[in-house]
Amino acid sequence: MNNIELPAEVPIPTGLALRLGASFAFHPFEYSKVLIQLGHEPLAPRNTKTLLGRPALAYPSVFQYCGHIRKRDGVLGMWRGVTPKMLSLAVQHLAGNKFNEIYPPEPELKEEEEDALTMEERKERFIKITLQAIACKMTCVVVSQPLQVLAIRSMAEFVGGEDKFCGGLTAGLYGGIVSILNENGILGFWSGLIPRMLGEVG
């Protein structure tokens, strides 16, 4: 996968293009996952049996969720919230690159160079690499959180059938920004930041 190269005319890095393409292609599954995490249960559980033959109830699969979304909102409705999600990935990529420019990671060492390090030097190098990676990840999360909030709220609107965060020429971005500012103020763009940071760093 690392050997894949895009034509020179394409103005974005190969790694970012592949991430955006995969995110777009698999967005319906991500959308279904968000609805499941929110506790939205539009489909009744079905009767099934355990491996031991005991009767049990099974929740709908992610594919059944996708089918339910398609029936209600059509095929395009399965990509609700994809614009802020993809913008969030792009912002994370750019923020990560900029952070690594300002605070470069520790250079890679050859095997013999690494063997020549003392235990104390190895420990110090490990701490520097770990702290740099954590700081970079946290920066990316903080910078991209407003777009993540817009994406999650856009997908969550499916539950109530609203459309403040989707549709229109700006794909719901303008309406979503105005709605968050009016309802939660500027700090509303960083709702859920701490749990997401802990999840990403962990």
Protein backbone atom coordinates (compact mmCIF):
# COMPACT_ATOMS: atom_id res chain seq x y z
CA MET A 1 0.00 0.00 0.00
CA ASN A 2 2.93 2.33 0.67
CA ASN A 3 4.12 1.75 -2.92
CA ILE A 4 0.95 3.22 -4.44
CA GLU A 5 1.62 6.57 -6.11
CA LEU A 6 -0.89 9.02 -7.50
CA PRO A 7 -0.34 10.95 -10.76
CA ALA A 8 1.77 14.11 -10.32
CA GLU A 9 -1.24 16.32 -11.24
CA VAL A 10 -3.14 15.25 -8.11
CA PRO A 11 -2.55 18.09 -5.61
CA ILE A 12 -2.87 16.02 -2.41
CA PRO A 13 -0.46 13.49 -0.82
CA THR A 14 -1.03 9.83 -1.62
CA GLY A 15 -1.54 8.84 2.04
CA LEU A 16 -4.19 11.50 2.57
CA ALA A 17 -5.95 10.64 -0.71
CA LEU A 18 -6.17 6.97 0.29
CA ARG A 19 -7.50 7.84 3.77
CA LEU A 20 -10.13 10.19 2.31
CA GLY A 21 -11.14 7.62 -0.30
CA ALA A 22 -11.50 4.87 2.30
CA SER A 23 -13.38 7.19 4.66
CA PHE A 24 -15.82 8.14 1.90
CA ALA A 25 -16.34 4.55 0.75
CA PHE A 26 -16.95 3.14 4.24
CA HIS A 27 -18.86 6.13 5.63
CA PRO A 28 -22.23 4.29 5.75
CA PHE A 29 -20.69 1.81 8.23
CA GLU A 30 -19.20 4.64 10.30
CA TYR A 31 -22.59 6.37 10.23
CA SER A 32 -24.33 3.18 11.44
CA LYS A 33 -21.70 2.75 14.17
CA VAL A 34 -22.37 6.29 15.44
CA LEU A 35 -26.13 5.63 15.59
CA ILE A 36 -25.51 2.38 17.49
CA GLN A 37 -23.22 4.21 19.95
CA LEU A 38 -25.92 6.84 20.46
CA GLY A 39 -28.32 4.07 21.46
CA HIS A 40 -30.67 4.53 18.50
CA GLU A 41 -32.56 1.25 18.06
CA PRO A 42 -35.06 1.63 15.19
CA LEU A 43 -35.09 -2.10 14.46
CA ALA A 44 -36.40 -4.69 16.89
CA PRO A 45 -34.02 -7.43 18.04
CA ARG A 46 -34.59 -10.82 16.44
CA ASN A 47 -34.93 -14.23 18.05
CA THR A 48 -31.89 -16.46 17.72
CA LYS A 49 -30.02 -19.17 19.61
CA THR A 50 -26.66 -19.23 21.37
CA LEU A 51 -23.93 -21.76 20.54
CA LEU A 52 -25.35 -23.96 23.30
CA GLY A 53 -28.83 -23.82 21.78
CA ARG A 54 -30.41 -21.50 24.31
CA PRO A 55 -32.90 -18.90 23.01
CA ALA A 56 -31.54 -15.34 22.85
CA LEU A 57 -32.20 -11.97 21.25
CA ALA A 58 -29.78 -10.54 18.66
CA TYR A 59 -29.48 -6.85 17.84
CA PRO A 60 -29.50 -5.79 14.17
CA SER A 61 -26.14 -5.91 12.37
CA VAL A 62 -24.43 -2.86 10.90
CA PHE A 63 -25.62 -4.01 7.45
CA GLN A 64 -29.24 -3.99 8.63
CA TYR A 65 -28.71 -0.47 10.01
CA CYS A 66 -27.36 0.62 6.61
CA GLY A 67 -30.42 -0.91 4.95
CA HIS A 68 -32.73 0.95 7.35
CA ILE A 69 -30.97 4.28 6.62
CA ARG A 70 -31.22 3.65 2.87
CA LYS A 71 -34.95 2.89 3.10
CA ARG A 72 -35.63 6.09 5.05
CA ASP A 73 -33.24 8.61 3.46
CA GLY A 74 -32.30 6.98 0.17
CA VAL A 75 -28.82 6.02 -1.05
CA LEU A 76 -27.40 9.55 -0.68
CA GLY A 77 -28.73 9.67 2.88
CA MET A 78 -26.19 7.00 3.81
CA TRP A 79 -23.47 9.65 3.41
CA ARG A 80 -24.96 12.13 5.89
CA GLY A 81 -22.10 13.88 7.72
CA VAL A 82 -19.41 12.77 5.27
CA THR A 83 -18.28 16.33 4.41
CA PRO A 84 -17.23 17.44 7.93
CA LYS A 85 -15.79 13.95 8.52
CA MET A 86 -13.51 14.17 5.49
CA LEU A 87 -12.58 17.76 6.28
CA SER A 88 -11.67 16.61 9.79
CA LEU A 89 -9.32 13.96 8.36
CA ALA A 90 -7.69 16.54 6.06
CA VAL A 91 -7.23 19.01 8.93
CA GLN A 92 -5.71 16.27 11.12
CA HIS A 93 -3.27 15.37 8.34
CA LEU A 94 -2.21 18.99 7.77
CA ALA A 95 -1.93 19.70 11.52
CA GLY A 96 0.19 16.57 12.00
CA ASN A 97 2.54 17.57 9.18
CA LYS A 98 2.89 21.12 10.52
CA PHE A 99 3.54 19.87 14.06
CA ASN A 100 6.26 17.52 12.79
CA GLU A 101 7.85 20.43 10.90
CA ILE A 102 7.99 22.59 14.04
CA TYR A 103 8.86 19.75 16.45
CA PRO A 104 10.54 17.06 14.33
CA PRO A 105 10.38 13.48 15.63
CA GLU A 106 13.53 11.68 16.74
CA PRO A 107 15.53 10.45 13.69
CA GLU A 108 15.48 6.74 12.87
CA LEU A 109 18.59 4.90 14.01
CA LYS A 110 20.30 1.98 12.31
CA GLU A 111 20.42 -1.29 14.21
CA GLU A 112 24.10 -0.92 15.12
CA GLU A 113 23.54 2.69 16.28
CA GLU A 114 20.67 1.57 18.48
CA ASP A 115 22.76 -1.26 19.93
CA ALA A 116 25.47 1.25 20.84
CA LEU A 117 23.08 3.26 23.04
CA THR A 118 23.23 2.83 26.79
CA MET A 119 20.11 1.82 28.72
CA GLU A 120 19.73 5.41 29.95
CA GLU A 121 19.97 6.79 26.39
CA ARG A 122 17.41 4.25 25.15
CA LYS A 123 15.03 5.21 27.96
CA GLU A 124 15.46 8.94 27.20
CA ARG A 125 14.93 8.34 23.47
CA PHE A 126 11.79 6.27 24.13
CA ILE A 127 10.33 9.03 26.35
CA LYS A 128 11.07 11.72 23.72
CA ILE A 129 9.49 9.66 20.90
CA THR A 130 6.41 8.87 23.01
CA LEU A 131 5.87 12.47 24.20
CA GLN A 132 6.32 13.84 20.67
CA ALA A 133 3.77 11.36 19.27
CA ILE A 134 1.26 12.11 22.07
CA ALA A 135 1.67 15.89 21.66
CA CYS A 136 1.20 15.57 17.88
CA LYS A 137 -1.94 13.43 18.31
CA MET A 138 -3.42 15.80 20.90
CA THR A 139 -2.77 18.81 18.65
CA CYS A 140 -4.52 17.09 15.73
CA VAL A 141 -7.51 16.19 17.93
CA VAL A 142 -7.90 19.74 19.33
CA VAL A 143 -7.64 21.35 15.88
CA SER A 144 -10.08 18.94 14.21
CA GLN A 145 -12.61 18.68 17.07
CA PRO A 146 -15.03 21.36 15.70
CA LEU A 147 -15.40 19.38 12.47
CA GLN A 148 -15.78 16.14 14.42
CA VAL A 149 -18.61 17.75 16.47
CA LEU A 150 -20.32 18.87 13.25
CA ALA A 151 -20.01 15.36 11.77
CA ILE A 152 -21.42 13.58 14.84
CA ARG A 153 -24.30 16.06 15.24
CA SER A 154 -25.09 15.77 11.55
CA MET A 155 -25.33 11.97 11.82
CA ALA A 156 -27.29 12.18 15.09
CA GLU A 157 -29.97 14.26 13.34
CA PHE A 158 -31.19 11.05 11.72
CA VAL A 159 -32.77 10.11 15.05
CA GLY A 160 -35.04 13.17 15.19
CA GLY A 161 -35.37 13.74 11.44
CA GLU A 162 -33.81 17.21 11.61
CA ASP A 163 -31.63 18.89 9.00
CA LYS A 164 -29.78 21.77 10.67
CA PHE A 165 -26.41 20.09 10.15
CA CYS A 166 -26.84 18.73 6.64
CA GLY A 167 -27.98 19.82 3.19
CA GLY A 168 -27.65 23.03 1.23
CA LEU A 169 -24.71 24.37 -0.75
CA THR A 170 -22.37 24.19 2.26
CA ALA A 171 -23.35 20.56 3.05
CA GLY A 172 -24.77 21.74 6.38
CA LEU A 173 -21.52 23.31 7.58
CA TYR A 174 -22.85 26.87 7.76
CA GLY A 175 -26.14 25.87 9.40
CA GLY A 176 -24.31 23.61 11.85
CA ILE A 177 -21.82 26.32 12.84
CA VAL A 178 -24.59 28.87 13.42
CA SER A 179 -26.65 26.34 15.39
CA ILE A 180 -23.74 25.43 17.70
CA LEU A 181 -22.84 29.09 18.28
CA ASN A 182 -26.45 29.95 19.16
CA GLU A 183 -27.06 26.94 21.40
CA ASN A 184 -23.69 26.29 23.06
CA GLY A 185 -21.41 29.23 22.29
CA ILE A 186 -17.86 28.94 20.97
CA LEU A 187 -16.97 26.19 23.47
CA GLY A 188 -19.66 23.99 21.93
CA PHE A 189 -17.23 23.24 19.10
CA TRP A 190 -15.04 21.40 21.60
CA SER A 191 -17.81 19.33 23.21
CA GLY A 192 -16.53 15.87 24.11
CA LEU A 193 -12.90 16.87 23.61
CA ILE A 194 -11.49 15.20 26.75
CA PRO A 195 -13.02 11.73 26.14
CA ARG A 196 -11.88 11.83 22.50
CA MET A 197 -8.36 12.88 23.51
CA LEU A 198 -8.14 10.07 26.05
CA GLY A 199 -9.43 7.59 23.46
CA GLU A 200 -6.99 8.73 20.75
CA VAL A 201 -3.94 8.90 23.03
CA GLY A 202 -4.79 5.62 24.77
